[in-house]
Structures are given as structure tokens and as C-alpha cells.
Amino acid sequence: MPGRGHDDLRTGRHRHAGYIAVRFTRRSRALLSMHNVNHDVACSIEITSLKGLQDNDRWMRWIERTAVGLGGRPHWGQQHNLTAAEVARLYPF
């Protein structure tokens, strides 16, 4: 909807059509793995949305920003909008 602000996403006033999948795996030692964590178990959260829905880009960027803000590491081989500083922080070599 025109005029909707970023707060609408935080308050749940958005439409989403797709699926959200959660799976738990063992951690990985691979440098680019999103499972390269300091815990024995990692959690993947996959969020999809149907192409062409209004506000899709805003919704997916909000999800990514929220996940990164909470310490999540996006899947390196998928779409992401990380800055160079975030890449250096999340995927240190």
C-alpha cells in the first residue's frame, strides 16, 4: 500500500504468500557456511515469497536486516544485500 512505513513490518501489517522453513543441523567448519557458528547445532530459517507481490522487496530486506541484526549469516549463494563491512564481519578469513 502506498504510504506504508517500515513500522508496518514490525507491527505485522503486511501480506506474505510463501513459506517459512526451519531446520536444525550440525555446525560447519566451511568458511562461507551459514552454519559456521560457535555452537554444536545451527538453525537455518528459509523464507520465500511469491514473485510479484506488492512490497516483496521491502519485506525481504526487513527479514534480512532483522536476521543480520540478530547475528544471522545469510546463505552466501542466495540473494543478499550485505555491505562490505558486514561481509568482513560475518565471514572472516
N, C-alpha and C. Protein backbone atom coordinates (compact mmCIF):
# COMPACT_ATOMS: atom_id res chain seq x y z
N MET A 1 0.83 -1.18 0.00
CA MET A 1 0.00 0.00 0.00
C MET A 1 0.88 1.24 0.00
N PRO A 2 0.56 2.21 -0.82
CA PRO A 2 1.33 3.45 -0.81
C PRO A 2 1.24 4.11 0.57
N GLY A 3 2.36 4.68 0.99
CA GLY A 3 2.36 5.40 2.25
C GLY A 3 2.66 4.53 3.46
N ARG A 4 2.73 3.24 3.28
CA ARG A 4 3.04 2.38 4.43
C ARG A 4 4.49 2.55 4.79
N GLY A 5 4.77 2.61 6.06
CA GLY A 5 6.13 2.80 6.51
C GLY A 5 6.78 1.51 6.96
N HIS A 6 8.05 1.61 7.31
CA HIS A 6 8.82 0.47 7.80
C HIS A 6 8.19 -0.12 9.06
N ASP A 7 7.52 0.71 9.86
CA ASP A 7 6.89 0.23 11.09
C ASP A 7 5.81 -0.81 10.82
N ASP A 8 5.19 -0.76 9.63
CA ASP A 8 4.16 -1.75 9.31
C ASP A 8 4.70 -3.16 9.36
N LEU A 9 5.96 -3.34 9.00
CA LEU A 9 6.55 -4.68 9.04
C LEU A 9 6.73 -5.13 10.48
N ARG A 10 7.14 -4.24 11.35
CA ARG A 10 7.33 -4.61 12.75
C ARG A 10 6.01 -4.90 13.45
N THR A 11 4.94 -4.27 13.01
CA THR A 11 3.66 -4.45 13.68
C THR A 11 2.83 -5.56 13.05
N GLY A 12 3.36 -6.21 12.02
CA GLY A 12 2.65 -7.34 11.42
C GLY A 12 1.63 -6.96 10.37
N ARG A 13 1.62 -5.71 9.95
CA ARG A 13 0.65 -5.30 8.94
C ARG A 13 1.28 -5.43 7.56
N HIS A 14 1.40 -6.64 7.10
CA HIS A 14 1.93 -6.90 5.77
C HIS A 14 1.31 -8.18 5.27
N ARG A 15 1.41 -8.38 3.97
CA ARG A 15 0.91 -9.61 3.37
C ARG A 15 2.09 -10.46 2.95
N HIS A 16 1.98 -11.73 3.15
CA HIS A 16 3.05 -12.64 2.76
C HIS A 16 2.43 -13.90 2.20
N ALA A 17 2.91 -14.33 1.07
CA ALA A 17 2.47 -15.59 0.49
C ALA A 17 3.73 -16.36 0.11
N GLY A 18 3.96 -17.44 0.75
CA GLY A 18 5.14 -18.24 0.52
C GLY A 18 5.25 -19.23 1.67
N TYR A 19 6.45 -19.60 2.02
CA TYR A 19 6.61 -20.50 3.15
C TYR A 19 7.83 -20.10 3.97
N ILE A 20 7.82 -20.53 5.20
CA ILE A 20 8.94 -20.36 6.11
C ILE A 20 9.30 -21.74 6.62
N ALA A 21 10.55 -22.14 6.41
CA ALA A 21 11.02 -23.46 6.84
C ALA A 21 12.14 -23.28 7.86
N VAL A 22 12.14 -24.11 8.88
CA VAL A 22 13.17 -24.08 9.92
C VAL A 22 13.78 -25.48 10.00
N ARG A 23 15.11 -25.54 10.01
CA ARG A 23 15.76 -26.85 10.18
C ARG A 23 17.02 -26.67 11.01
N PHE A 24 17.31 -27.68 11.78
CA PHE A 24 18.47 -27.69 12.65
C PHE A 24 19.50 -28.65 12.09
N THR A 25 20.76 -28.23 12.10
CA THR A 25 21.85 -29.05 11.56
C THR A 25 23.06 -28.93 12.48
N ARG A 26 24.05 -29.74 12.21
CA ARG A 26 25.32 -29.60 12.92
C ARG A 26 26.06 -28.40 12.36
N ARG A 27 26.94 -27.85 13.14
CA ARG A 27 27.72 -26.72 12.66
C ARG A 27 28.69 -27.17 11.58
N SER A 28 29.22 -26.21 10.85
CA SER A 28 30.14 -26.49 9.75
C SER A 28 31.43 -25.72 9.98
N ARG A 29 32.51 -26.25 9.48
CA ARG A 29 33.79 -25.53 9.53
C ARG A 29 34.07 -24.78 8.22
N ALA A 30 33.20 -24.93 7.25
CA ALA A 30 33.39 -24.24 5.97
C ALA A 30 33.30 -22.74 6.17
N LEU A 31 34.25 -22.00 5.63
CA LEU A 31 34.33 -20.56 5.87
C LEU A 31 33.08 -19.80 5.44
N LEU A 32 32.49 -20.16 4.32
CA LEU A 32 31.34 -19.43 3.82
C LEU A 32 30.01 -20.02 4.28
N SER A 33 30.05 -21.06 5.06
CA SER A 33 28.82 -21.70 5.51
C SER A 33 28.06 -20.80 6.48
N MET A 34 26.75 -20.75 6.31
CA MET A 34 25.94 -20.02 7.28
C MET A 34 25.86 -20.81 8.59
N HIS A 35 26.38 -22.02 8.60
CA HIS A 35 26.40 -22.86 9.80
C HIS A 35 27.76 -22.86 10.48
N ASN A 36 28.63 -21.96 10.08
CA ASN A 36 29.93 -21.82 10.73
C ASN A 36 29.72 -20.97 11.98
N VAL A 37 29.31 -21.63 13.05
CA VAL A 37 28.94 -20.95 14.30
C VAL A 37 29.75 -21.54 15.45
N ASN A 38 29.65 -20.91 16.60
CA ASN A 38 30.36 -21.38 17.79
C ASN A 38 29.51 -22.29 18.66
N HIS A 39 28.52 -22.92 18.09
CA HIS A 39 27.63 -23.82 18.80
C HIS A 39 27.67 -25.18 18.11
N ASP A 40 27.26 -26.22 18.80
CA ASP A 40 27.23 -27.54 18.18
C ASP A 40 26.12 -27.68 17.16
N VAL A 41 25.04 -26.93 17.35
CA VAL A 41 23.88 -27.02 16.48
C VAL A 41 23.61 -25.65 15.85
N ALA A 42 23.29 -25.64 14.57
CA ALA A 42 22.93 -24.42 13.86
C ALA A 42 21.47 -24.51 13.43
N CYS A 43 20.87 -23.39 13.19
CA CYS A 43 19.48 -23.34 12.75
C CYS A 43 19.40 -22.54 11.46
N SER A 44 18.76 -23.11 10.47
CA SER A 44 18.52 -22.41 9.20
C SER A 44 17.07 -22.01 9.14
N ILE A 45 16.83 -20.78 8.73
CA ILE A 45 15.46 -20.31 8.53
C ILE A 45 15.38 -19.84 7.09
N GLU A 46 14.56 -20.53 6.30
CA GLU A 46 14.40 -20.20 4.89
C GLU A 46 13.04 -19.53 4.71
N ILE A 47 13.06 -18.36 4.10
CA ILE A 47 11.83 -17.61 3.89
C ILE A 47 11.69 -17.34 2.41
N THR A 48 10.55 -17.69 1.85
CA THR A 48 10.29 -17.45 0.44
C THR A 48 9.05 -16.57 0.31
N SER A 49 8.91 -15.98 -0.83
CA SER A 49 7.74 -15.17 -1.12
C SER A 49 7.46 -15.28 -2.61
N LEU A 50 6.20 -15.26 -2.97
CA LEU A 50 5.84 -15.34 -4.37
C LEU A 50 6.30 -14.09 -5.11
N LYS A 51 6.85 -14.29 -6.27
CA LYS A 51 7.34 -13.18 -7.09
C LYS A 51 6.19 -12.26 -7.48
N GLY A 52 6.45 -10.97 -7.45
CA GLY A 52 5.47 -10.01 -7.94
C GLY A 52 4.53 -9.45 -6.89
N LEU A 53 4.61 -9.92 -5.66
CA LEU A 53 3.72 -9.38 -4.63
C LEU A 53 4.15 -7.98 -4.24
N GLN A 54 3.17 -7.15 -3.97
CA GLN A 54 3.45 -5.77 -3.55
C GLN A 54 4.27 -5.80 -2.27
N ASP A 55 5.28 -4.97 -2.19
CA ASP A 55 6.14 -4.82 -1.02
C ASP A 55 7.06 -6.01 -0.77
N ASN A 56 7.21 -6.92 -1.72
CA ASN A 56 8.10 -8.07 -1.56
C ASN A 56 9.52 -7.65 -1.19
N ASP A 57 10.07 -6.73 -1.97
CA ASP A 57 11.45 -6.32 -1.72
C ASP A 57 11.61 -5.74 -0.33
N ARG A 58 10.67 -4.91 0.09
CA ARG A 58 10.74 -4.30 1.41
C ARG A 58 10.64 -5.37 2.49
N TRP A 59 9.76 -6.33 2.32
CA TRP A 59 9.58 -7.43 3.27
C TRP A 59 10.85 -8.26 3.39
N MET A 60 11.43 -8.65 2.25
CA MET A 60 12.61 -9.49 2.28
C MET A 60 13.83 -8.73 2.82
N ARG A 61 13.96 -7.46 2.53
CA ARG A 61 15.05 -6.66 3.10
C ARG A 61 14.89 -6.52 4.61
N TRP A 62 13.66 -6.35 5.06
CA TRP A 62 13.42 -6.27 6.51
C TRP A 62 13.80 -7.58 7.19
N ILE A 63 13.41 -8.69 6.59
CA ILE A 63 13.77 -10.00 7.14
C ILE A 63 15.29 -10.13 7.22
N GLU A 64 15.98 -9.79 6.15
CA GLU A 64 17.44 -9.90 6.13
C GLU A 64 18.08 -9.00 7.18
N ARG A 65 17.66 -7.75 7.24
CA ARG A 65 18.21 -6.80 8.22
C ARG A 65 17.98 -7.30 9.64
N THR A 66 16.80 -7.83 9.90
CA THR A 66 16.48 -8.35 11.23
C THR A 66 17.37 -9.54 11.56
N ALA A 67 17.52 -10.47 10.61
CA ALA A 67 18.34 -11.66 10.84
C ALA A 67 19.80 -11.29 11.08
N VAL A 68 20.35 -10.41 10.25
CA VAL A 68 21.75 -10.00 10.41
C VAL A 68 21.91 -9.27 11.74
N GLY A 69 20.94 -8.45 12.09
CA GLY A 69 20.99 -7.73 13.36
C GLY A 69 21.00 -8.65 14.57
N LEU A 70 20.43 -9.83 14.40
CA LEU A 70 20.39 -10.82 15.48
C LEU A 70 21.55 -11.81 15.40
N GLY A 71 22.51 -11.55 14.49
CA GLY A 71 23.68 -12.41 14.39
C GLY A 71 23.58 -13.50 13.34
N GLY A 72 22.55 -13.45 12.51
CA GLY A 72 22.39 -14.46 11.46
C GLY A 72 23.36 -14.24 10.31
N ARG A 73 23.67 -15.31 9.61
CA ARG A 73 24.55 -15.26 8.44
C ARG A 73 23.75 -15.70 7.23
N PRO A 74 23.51 -14.80 6.27
CA PRO A 74 22.75 -15.19 5.08
C PRO A 74 23.49 -16.28 4.29
N HIS A 75 22.74 -17.06 3.57
CA HIS A 75 23.31 -18.08 2.68
C HIS A 75 24.10 -17.36 1.61
N TRP A 76 25.39 -17.65 1.52
CA TRP A 76 26.28 -16.92 0.61
C TRP A 76 25.83 -17.08 -0.85
N GLY A 77 25.28 -18.21 -1.22
CA GLY A 77 24.91 -18.47 -2.60
C GLY A 77 23.53 -17.96 -2.98
N GLN A 78 22.82 -17.34 -2.07
CA GLN A 78 21.48 -16.81 -2.36
C GLN A 78 21.54 -15.29 -2.43
N GLN A 79 20.44 -14.70 -2.78
CA GLN A 79 20.37 -13.23 -2.83
C GLN A 79 20.57 -12.66 -1.44
N HIS A 80 21.41 -11.64 -1.35
CA HIS A 80 21.57 -10.92 -0.09
C HIS A 80 22.00 -9.50 -0.40
N ASN A 81 21.87 -8.63 0.58
CA ASN A 81 22.20 -7.21 0.40
C ASN A 81 23.21 -6.77 1.45
N LEU A 82 24.19 -7.60 1.71
CA LEU A 82 25.19 -7.28 2.72
C LEU A 82 26.14 -6.19 2.23
N THR A 83 26.56 -5.34 3.15
CA THR A 83 27.59 -4.35 2.83
C THR A 83 28.95 -5.03 2.93
N ALA A 84 29.98 -4.37 2.42
CA ALA A 84 31.34 -4.92 2.51
C ALA A 84 31.74 -5.12 3.96
N ALA A 85 31.37 -4.20 4.84
CA ALA A 85 31.71 -4.32 6.26
C ALA A 85 31.00 -5.51 6.89
N GLU A 86 29.76 -5.76 6.51
CA GLU A 86 29.04 -6.91 7.05
C GLU A 86 29.64 -8.22 6.56
N VAL A 87 30.04 -8.27 5.30
CA VAL A 87 30.69 -9.48 4.77
C VAL A 87 31.96 -9.76 5.56
N ALA A 88 32.76 -8.73 5.78
CA ALA A 88 34.01 -8.90 6.53
C ALA A 88 33.74 -9.36 7.97
N ARG A 89 32.68 -8.87 8.58
CA ARG A 89 32.36 -9.25 9.95
C ARG A 89 31.76 -10.65 10.04
N LEU A 90 30.86 -10.97 9.11
CA LEU A 90 30.14 -12.25 9.18
C LEU A 90 30.93 -13.42 8.61
N TYR A 91 31.83 -13.15 7.68
CA TYR A 91 32.60 -14.21 7.00
C TYR A 91 34.08 -13.92 7.11
N PRO A 92 34.64 -13.87 8.32
CA PRO A 92 36.05 -13.54 8.46
C PRO A 92 36.93 -14.67 7.92
N PHE A 93 38.07 -14.30 7.37
CA PHE A 93 39.03 -15.31 6.87
C PHE A 93 40.28 -15.26 7.69
